[in-house]
Amino acid sequence: MSSTTPEFAAAAAAAEGVKRAKRGVPEGLWQRCPGCQAVIFRKQAEELLSVCPECEHHWYVSATDRIEQVLDSGTFEEWDGELMPTDPLQFADKKAYADRLVAEQKRTGLRDAALTGCGMIRARRVAIGVTDSAFIMGSMGSVVGERLARLIERAADQNLPLIVISGSGGGARMHEGILSLMQMAKVTAALARYHEMGGLFISVLTNPTMGGVAASFASLGDLIFAEPKALIGFAGPRTIKATIRIELPDGFQTSEFLLEHGFVDRIVSRARLKSEIARAIDYCGK
């Protein structure tokens, strides 16, 4: 008599098409550093605010994570979160812009590439904005420009220090045409009025800060901080090299290169950013 019962045979046959779960290390426990290629324990990197313990490479972090890292816990109050992007040009490339917006909102949890509001940094009330490269590369659409302009105006009205952390790899958002281009001028004009009123604007540049963002508000801080080894500039290095046809200097468009040439005031690691901002506010009497 066979020891194989019908039930056992059926179960064995069903299992042939099922991939057996691997034993050992759970998925997502480790991650590879894009800077030094070391394999890092994910929890250790998170405790270091997403900084590699081997080479101090600063990983991407979302706008909401930036807010949590810089502001005192539980103090953030979002401003103008109800503003939603539209599709005025009915633009379509590989995907309709309206569909792209919906997909980006679901993927990132953001309504657009900028998050603005107020909160406390070491018990000092500030107006703060963060752009996020995960949302269409942090490009400046109408909502991004409007949120930043309103943020600056409220900072002026309430006499608050202004902090903007830029993480935008794009400039104007081509999907909105001239409506996107005018956001650079609008935000810059708001900053000019804020400056005339004696406001303190601290601009924090992260990897990447490029295009129209770098060419407008990100470069206009009274103090400009940058994270280590961040890519900062207007056009990319390959585009510049192909245009001017000369060899670019080593480290071109990095935080360290720009500090050496006077464009950046200080390079600040992520772990020290909160304290450095608070110290700057006190030093400037704001």
Protein backbone atom coordinates (compact mmCIF):
# COMPACT_ATOMS: atom_id res chain seq x y z
CA MET A 1 0.00 0.00 0.00
CA SER A 2 1.37 3.35 -1.01
CA SER A 3 2.14 5.80 1.77
CA THR A 4 1.05 8.68 -0.47
CA THR A 5 -2.53 9.70 0.20
CA PRO A 6 -4.60 11.53 -2.40
CA GLU A 7 -4.60 14.62 -0.20
CA PHE A 8 -0.78 14.57 0.07
CA ALA A 9 -0.39 14.09 -3.67
CA ALA A 10 -2.71 17.02 -4.40
CA ALA A 11 -0.85 19.27 -2.00
CA ALA A 12 2.51 18.29 -3.51
CA ALA A 13 1.26 18.97 -7.02
CA ALA A 14 -0.05 22.39 -5.99
CA ALA A 15 3.23 23.25 -4.32
CA GLU A 16 5.21 22.63 -7.52
CA GLY A 17 3.97 25.91 -8.95
CA VAL A 18 4.48 27.90 -5.76
CA LYS A 19 7.82 29.59 -5.12
CA ARG A 20 9.14 28.59 -1.72
CA ALA A 21 9.88 31.54 0.55
CA LYS A 22 13.58 32.06 1.16
CA ARG A 23 14.88 31.57 4.65
CA GLY A 24 17.44 33.84 6.26
CA VAL A 25 17.75 37.65 5.93
CA PRO A 26 14.42 39.51 5.55
CA GLU A 27 14.05 41.78 2.51
CA GLY A 28 14.84 45.47 3.03
CA LEU A 29 17.14 44.91 5.99
CA TRP A 30 20.20 46.14 4.11
CA GLN A 31 20.80 48.80 1.48
CA ARG A 32 23.74 49.70 -0.74
CA CYS A 33 25.29 53.15 -0.46
CA PRO A 34 25.38 54.87 -3.88
CA GLY A 35 28.46 56.79 -2.76
CA CYS A 36 30.91 54.09 -1.59
CA GLN A 37 28.91 50.97 -2.57
CA ALA A 38 29.10 49.63 0.99
CA VAL A 39 26.21 47.47 2.18
CA ILE A 40 24.64 49.29 5.12
CA PHE A 41 22.26 48.09 7.81
CA ARG A 42 19.12 50.08 6.96
CA LYS A 43 18.15 50.82 10.57
CA GLN A 44 21.62 52.23 11.25
CA ALA A 45 21.34 54.56 8.24
CA GLU A 46 17.90 55.73 9.36
CA GLU A 47 19.22 56.53 12.83
CA LEU A 48 21.87 58.68 11.12
CA LEU A 49 19.13 60.59 9.21
CA SER A 50 19.80 58.60 6.01
CA VAL A 51 23.54 59.26 5.98
CA CYS A 52 26.06 56.52 5.18
CA PRO A 53 28.18 55.66 8.25
CA GLU A 54 31.10 54.71 6.00
CA CYS A 55 31.48 57.69 3.62
CA GLU A 56 28.83 60.16 4.93
CA HIS A 57 26.96 60.09 1.64
CA HIS A 58 23.61 61.85 2.14
CA TRP A 59 20.76 59.77 0.73
CA TYR A 60 17.58 61.29 -0.65
CA VAL A 61 14.91 61.96 1.97
CA SER A 62 11.34 63.04 1.32
CA ALA A 63 9.92 66.48 2.10
CA THR A 64 7.97 65.11 5.06
CA ASP A 65 11.12 63.46 6.46
CA ARG A 66 13.00 66.74 6.08
CA ILE A 67 10.32 68.51 8.08
CA GLU A 68 10.60 65.92 10.85
CA GLN A 69 14.39 66.18 10.90
CA VAL A 70 14.58 69.98 11.06
CA LEU A 71 11.56 71.05 13.11
CA ASP A 72 10.80 70.34 16.75
CA SER A 73 8.55 67.31 17.03
CA GLY A 74 4.84 67.99 16.55
CA THR A 75 5.20 71.70 15.75
CA PHE A 76 4.69 71.71 11.97
CA GLU A 77 1.56 73.44 10.68
CA GLU A 78 1.06 73.12 6.93
CA TRP A 79 0.04 76.18 4.93
CA ASP A 80 -1.90 76.15 1.66
CA GLY A 81 -2.06 72.38 1.53
CA GLU A 82 -5.37 72.60 -0.32
CA LEU A 83 -3.75 74.03 -3.47
CA MET A 84 -3.92 71.47 -6.28
CA PRO A 85 -2.17 71.52 -9.67
CA THR A 86 -4.21 71.64 -12.87
CA ASP A 87 -3.53 70.95 -16.54
CA PRO A 88 -4.12 74.31 -18.28
CA LEU A 89 -2.42 73.30 -21.54
CA GLN A 90 -3.90 69.79 -21.79
CA PHE A 91 -0.28 68.70 -22.13
CA ALA A 92 0.70 65.16 -23.10
CA ASP A 93 4.03 63.51 -23.84
CA LYS A 94 4.42 59.80 -23.09
CA LYS A 95 1.58 60.28 -20.62
CA ALA A 96 -1.08 62.95 -20.23
CA TYR A 97 -0.01 65.54 -17.65
CA ALA A 98 -3.30 65.13 -15.76
CA ASP A 99 -2.63 61.38 -15.42
CA ARG A 100 1.00 62.02 -14.47
CA LEU A 101 -0.10 64.32 -11.64
CA VAL A 102 -2.46 61.70 -10.24
CA ALA A 103 0.24 59.01 -10.43
CA GLU A 104 2.82 61.24 -8.71
CA GLN A 105 0.39 62.16 -5.96
CA LYS A 106 -0.37 58.51 -5.25
CA ARG A 107 3.30 57.52 -5.34
CA THR A 108 4.70 60.33 -3.13
CA GLY A 109 1.75 61.23 -0.91
CA LEU A 110 2.27 64.90 -1.88
CA ARG A 111 -0.10 67.14 -3.80
CA ASP A 112 2.81 68.83 -5.56
CA ALA A 113 6.58 69.19 -5.28
CA ALA A 114 6.59 71.76 -2.45
CA LEU A 115 5.55 71.47 1.19
CA THR A 116 5.21 74.73 3.13
CA GLY A 117 4.16 75.85 6.59
CA CYS A 118 5.50 76.99 9.94
CA GLY A 119 6.98 75.33 12.98
CA MET A 120 9.61 75.56 15.69
CA ILE A 121 13.37 75.03 15.44
CA ARG A 122 14.87 74.78 18.92
CA ALA A 123 11.82 76.76 20.18
CA ARG A 124 12.25 79.45 17.49
CA ARG A 125 9.23 79.90 15.24
CA VAL A 126 10.04 79.87 11.53
CA ALA A 127 8.35 79.75 8.14
CA ILE A 128 9.64 76.74 6.21
CA GLY A 129 9.35 75.31 2.73
CA VAL A 130 10.77 72.11 1.26
CA THR A 131 10.88 71.00 -2.36
CA ASP A 132 10.96 67.30 -3.19
CA SER A 133 12.73 65.84 -6.23
CA ALA A 134 10.54 62.71 -6.08
CA PHE A 135 7.60 64.70 -7.51
CA ILE A 136 8.42 65.34 -11.19
CA MET A 137 12.01 66.13 -10.13
CA GLY A 138 10.85 68.96 -7.88
CA SER A 139 10.14 71.17 -10.88
CA MET A 140 8.40 74.51 -10.42
CA GLY A 141 4.81 74.28 -11.51
CA SER A 142 2.19 76.90 -10.69
CA VAL A 143 1.37 75.34 -7.32
CA VAL A 144 5.02 75.18 -6.25
CA GLY A 145 5.51 78.85 -7.11
CA GLU A 146 2.26 79.90 -5.45
CA ARG A 147 2.99 78.00 -2.25
CA LEU A 148 6.47 79.47 -1.99
CA ALA A 149 5.27 83.01 -2.75
CA ARG A 150 2.55 82.76 -0.09
CA LEU A 151 5.07 81.30 2.36
CA ILE A 152 7.37 84.27 1.85
CA GLU A 153 4.53 86.78 2.18
CA ARG A 154 3.36 85.20 5.45
CA ALA A 155 6.91 85.18 6.77
CA ALA A 156 7.05 88.92 6.05
CA ASP A 157 3.63 89.61 7.63
CA GLN A 158 4.47 87.62 10.78
CA ASN A 159 8.13 88.73 10.95
CA LEU A 160 9.39 85.14 10.83
CA PRO A 161 12.76 83.81 9.68
CA LEU A 162 12.37 82.01 6.36
CA ILE A 163 13.91 78.58 5.72
CA VAL A 164 13.69 76.94 2.29
CA ILE A 165 15.27 73.51 1.78
CA SER A 166 15.69 72.88 -1.94
CA GLY A 167 15.76 69.37 -3.33
CA SER A 168 14.82 70.04 -6.94
CA GLY A 169 16.53 68.48 -9.91
CA GLY A 170 14.44 70.44 -12.36
CA GLY A 171 13.61 74.01 -13.20
CA ALA A 172 10.38 75.21 -14.74
CA ARG A 173 7.87 72.43 -15.38
CA MET A 174 7.49 72.21 -19.14
CA HIS A 175 4.02 70.70 -18.82
CA GLU A 176 2.69 74.15 -17.79
CA GLY A 177 4.62 76.27 -20.28
CA ILE A 178 4.92 80.00 -19.59
CA LEU A 179 2.79 79.62 -16.44
CA SER A 180 5.63 77.60 -14.97
CA LEU A 181 8.38 79.98 -16.13
CA MET A 182 6.73 82.96 -14.45
CA GLN A 183 6.93 81.23 -11.03
CA MET A 184 10.65 81.97 -10.84
CA ALA A 185 10.01 85.69 -11.24
CA LYS A 186 7.07 85.63 -8.84
CA VAL A 187 8.98 83.92 -6.05
CA THR A 188 12.04 86.11 -6.61
CA ALA A 189 9.89 89.28 -6.41
CA ALA A 190 8.34 88.07 -3.15
CA LEU A 191 11.85 87.48 -1.76
CA ALA A 192 12.87 91.02 -2.76
CA ARG A 193 9.96 92.46 -0.76
CA TYR A 194 10.81 90.20 2.17
CA HIS A 195 14.43 91.41 2.05
CA GLU A 196 13.34 95.05 2.01
CA MET A 197 11.39 94.41 5.23
CA GLY A 198 14.54 93.09 6.92
CA GLY A 199 13.67 89.38 6.87
CA LEU A 200 16.23 86.61 7.29
CA PHE A 201 16.23 84.01 4.50
CA ILE A 202 18.30 80.85 5.00
CA SER A 203 18.50 78.73 1.85
CA VAL A 204 19.55 75.09 2.25
CA LEU A 205 20.76 73.35 -0.91
CA THR A 206 20.58 69.56 -1.10
CA ASN A 207 21.29 66.98 -3.78
CA PRO A 208 20.19 67.90 -6.39
CA THR A 209 19.47 71.64 -6.65
CA MET A 210 19.44 72.40 -10.36
CA GLY A 211 17.75 74.31 -13.15
CA GLY A 212 15.42 77.21 -12.55
CA VAL A 213 15.27 76.50 -8.82
CA ALA A 214 19.03 77.07 -8.50
CA ALA A 215 18.77 80.06 -10.84
CA SER A 216 16.11 81.78 -8.75
CA PHE A 217 15.12 81.53 -5.09
CA ALA A 218 17.63 78.86 -4.01
CA SER A 219 20.55 81.20 -4.78
CA LEU A 220 19.12 84.26 -3.03
CA GLY A 221 19.53 83.35 0.63
CA ASP A 222 21.06 85.78 3.10
CA LEU A 223 22.81 82.62 4.24
CA ILE A 224 23.29 79.65 1.93
CA PHE A 225 23.95 76.27 3.52
CA ALA A 226 24.56 73.11 1.52
CA GLU A 227 24.72 69.42 2.31
CA PRO A 228 28.03 67.67 1.58
CA LYS A 229 28.67 66.56 -2.02
CA ALA A 230 25.37 67.94 -3.28
CA LEU A 231 24.99 68.59 -7.02
CA ILE A 232 24.21 72.30 -7.42
CA GLY A 233 24.01 74.28 -10.64
CA PHE A 234 21.88 75.31 -13.60
CA ALA A 235 22.63 73.03 -16.55
CA GLY A 236 24.20 69.63 -15.98
CA PRO A 237 27.98 69.14 -16.32
CA ARG A 238 27.68 67.11 -19.53
CA THR A 239 25.54 69.81 -21.17
CA ILE A 240 27.99 72.55 -20.20
CA LYS A 241 30.99 70.55 -21.39
CA ALA A 242 29.31 69.83 -24.72
CA THR A 243 28.44 73.53 -25.14
CA ILE A 244 31.71 75.27 -24.22
CA ARG A 245 33.95 72.35 -25.28
CA ILE A 246 36.49 72.65 -22.48
CA GLU A 247 37.40 70.30 -19.66
CA LEU A 248 35.56 71.18 -16.44
CA PRO A 249 37.40 71.41 -13.09
CA ASP A 250 37.37 68.45 -10.71
CA GLY A 251 34.34 68.51 -8.42
CA PHE A 252 32.55 71.06 -10.60
CA GLN A 253 29.03 71.89 -9.33
CA THR A 254 29.51 70.18 -5.98
CA SER A 255 28.94 71.85 -2.61
CA GLU A 256 32.67 71.78 -1.90
CA PHE A 257 33.57 73.46 -5.21
CA LEU A 258 30.95 76.17 -4.68
CA LEU A 259 32.10 76.81 -1.10
CA GLU A 260 35.65 77.29 -2.35
CA HIS A 261 34.43 79.81 -4.93
CA GLY A 262 32.18 81.78 -2.59
CA PHE A 263 28.75 80.67 -3.78
CA VAL A 264 27.94 78.70 -0.63
CA ASP A 265 28.47 80.08 2.88
CA ARG A 266 28.79 76.80 4.76
CA ILE A 267 28.58 73.06 4.21
CA VAL A 268 26.42 71.54 6.93
CA SER A 269 25.86 67.84 7.47
CA ARG A 270 22.29 66.69 7.99
CA ALA A 271 22.84 65.88 11.65
CA ARG A 272 23.98 69.46 12.39
CA LEU A 273 21.50 71.34 10.21
CA LYS A 274 18.88 71.99 12.87
CA SER A 275 21.40 73.40 15.33
CA GLU A 276 23.15 75.48 12.66
CA ILE A 277 19.88 77.09 11.58
CA ALA A 278 18.96 77.91 15.18
CA ARG A 279 22.43 79.40 15.76
CA ALA A 280 22.17 81.53 12.61
CA ILE A 281 18.76 82.87 13.66
CA ASP A 282 20.13 83.87 17.06
CA TYR A 283 23.26 85.41 15.54
CA CYS A 284 21.20 87.54 13.14
CA GLY A 285 18.90 88.66 15.96
CA LYS A 286 15.78 87.14 14.49
